[in-house]
Amino acid sequence: MLKEVPMEAKREINKRKMVGRVIKDKMDKTVVVEVEKFLKHPKYHKFIKRKLRYKAHDENNSSKTGDRVLIVETRPMSKDKRWLVKQVVRHEELFLVKNEVAHDSGEI
């Protein structure tokens, strides 16, 4: 009595997903995404912030510098690109403008 899982869902199970900030978007269809991780030091038990940069494929050039994006592991597309921009979580410019308008109108 096992449920049938669609083929697309099977492909998504083993892929790593990360959320990071776009640092550079000067290349065509490629962005550099910086992901922050908090790790606990094994001996001193202090939390350490680690930053890693990944090159990700952005087919439509939809993400800009400062945006938060969800990247998913994919097949190698070039020497350095092994990630794909799945979606833009938050556009930074739009978010800042909305906060500024809300602050000026007294909503916050």
Protein backbone atom coordinates (compact mmCIF):
# COMPACT_ATOMS: atom_id res chain seq x y z
CA MET A 1 0.00 0.00 0.00
CA LEU A 2 2.72 2.48 -0.94
CA LYS A 3 1.74 5.79 -2.46
CA GLU A 4 3.02 6.66 -5.89
CA VAL A 5 5.31 9.68 -5.79
CA PRO A 6 5.50 11.79 -8.98
CA MET A 7 8.83 11.71 -10.81
CA GLU A 8 9.43 15.46 -10.28
CA ALA A 9 9.10 15.04 -6.53
CA LYS A 10 11.62 12.18 -6.56
CA ARG A 11 14.19 14.41 -8.26
CA GLU A 12 13.73 17.19 -5.68
CA ILE A 13 14.26 14.94 -2.64
CA ASN A 14 18.05 14.60 -2.82
CA LYS A 15 18.90 18.16 -3.82
CA ARG A 16 20.39 20.60 -1.35
CA LYS A 17 18.64 23.95 -0.95
CA MET A 18 20.03 27.17 0.50
CA VAL A 19 18.86 30.74 0.94
CA GLY A 20 21.41 33.49 0.40
CA ARG A 21 21.97 37.04 -0.75
CA VAL A 22 23.01 38.00 -4.30
CA ILE A 23 26.44 39.68 -4.13
CA LYS A 24 27.22 40.11 -7.84
CA ASP A 25 25.01 40.06 -10.93
CA LYS A 26 27.37 41.41 -13.62
CA MET A 27 27.64 38.13 -15.56
CA ASP A 28 25.06 37.02 -18.10
CA LYS A 29 22.66 34.43 -16.62
CA THR A 30 24.92 33.96 -13.58
CA VAL A 31 24.80 35.44 -10.08
CA VAL A 32 27.11 35.04 -7.12
CA VAL A 33 25.17 34.12 -3.98
CA GLU A 34 26.61 34.41 -0.48
CA VAL A 35 25.22 32.00 2.11
CA GLU A 36 25.78 32.55 5.85
CA LYS A 37 25.94 29.59 8.23
CA PHE A 38 26.18 29.59 12.02
CA LEU A 39 28.33 26.75 13.26
CA LYS A 40 29.14 25.79 16.83
CA HIS A 41 32.86 25.40 17.53
CA PRO A 42 33.46 21.82 18.71
CA LYS A 43 35.88 22.72 21.52
CA TYR A 44 34.96 26.24 22.63
CA HIS A 45 31.18 26.00 22.02
CA LYS A 46 31.10 29.47 20.52
CA PHE A 47 28.90 30.15 17.52
CA ILE A 48 30.87 31.19 14.44
CA LYS A 49 29.50 32.87 11.34
CA ARG A 50 30.78 31.30 8.11
CA LYS A 51 30.17 32.79 4.67
CA LEU A 52 30.39 30.76 1.46
CA ARG A 53 29.91 32.03 -2.08
CA TYR A 54 28.28 30.02 -4.84
CA LYS A 55 27.80 30.80 -8.52
CA ALA A 56 24.22 30.08 -9.54
CA HIS A 57 22.44 29.98 -12.89
CA ASP A 58 19.74 32.65 -13.32
CA GLU A 59 18.07 32.02 -16.68
CA ASN A 60 16.05 35.26 -16.90
CA ASN A 61 18.50 37.55 -15.08
CA SER A 62 15.65 38.29 -12.66
CA SER A 63 17.67 38.65 -9.45
CA LYS A 64 19.68 41.78 -8.69
CA THR A 65 22.34 42.67 -6.13
CA GLY A 66 20.95 42.55 -2.59
CA ASP A 67 18.06 40.15 -3.32
CA ARG A 68 17.46 37.09 -1.17
CA VAL A 69 17.21 33.97 -3.36
CA LEU A 70 16.61 30.25 -2.95
CA ILE A 71 19.25 28.18 -4.76
CA VAL A 72 19.02 24.47 -5.52
CA GLU A 73 21.79 22.03 -6.36
CA THR A 74 21.80 20.93 -10.00
CA ARG A 75 24.02 19.33 -12.61
CA PRO A 76 27.32 21.06 -13.43
CA MET A 77 26.67 23.84 -15.95
CA SER A 78 30.26 25.12 -16.14
CA LYS A 79 33.50 24.92 -14.22
CA ASP A 80 32.08 26.76 -11.20
CA LYS A 81 28.28 26.69 -11.62
CA ARG A 82 26.47 23.84 -9.85
CA TRP A 83 23.50 25.77 -8.45
CA LEU A 84 20.24 27.09 -9.91
CA VAL A 85 18.21 30.08 -8.70
CA LYS A 86 14.83 28.55 -7.93
CA GLN A 87 13.03 31.70 -6.78
CA VAL A 88 13.62 35.22 -5.54
CA VAL A 89 12.54 35.22 -1.91
CA ARG A 90 12.68 39.01 -1.46
CA HIS A 91 13.60 41.90 -3.74
CA GLU A 92 15.77 44.19 -1.63
CA GLU A 93 14.92 47.49 -3.36
CA LEU A 94 11.17 46.85 -3.17
CA PHE A 95 11.43 45.86 0.48
CA LEU A 96 13.35 49.03 1.38
CA VAL A 97 10.92 51.27 -0.52
CA LYS A 98 7.91 49.66 1.20
CA ASN A 99 9.51 50.16 4.62
CA GLU A 100 10.34 53.79 3.81
CA VAL A 101 6.77 54.54 2.66
CA ALA A 102 5.30 52.80 5.70
CA HIS A 103 7.64 54.71 8.01
CA ASP A 104 6.79 58.07 6.40
CA SER A 105 3.05 57.45 6.65
CA GLY A 106 3.34 56.47 10.33
CA GLU A 107 2.28 52.83 10.00
CA ILE A 108 5.35 51.47 11.78
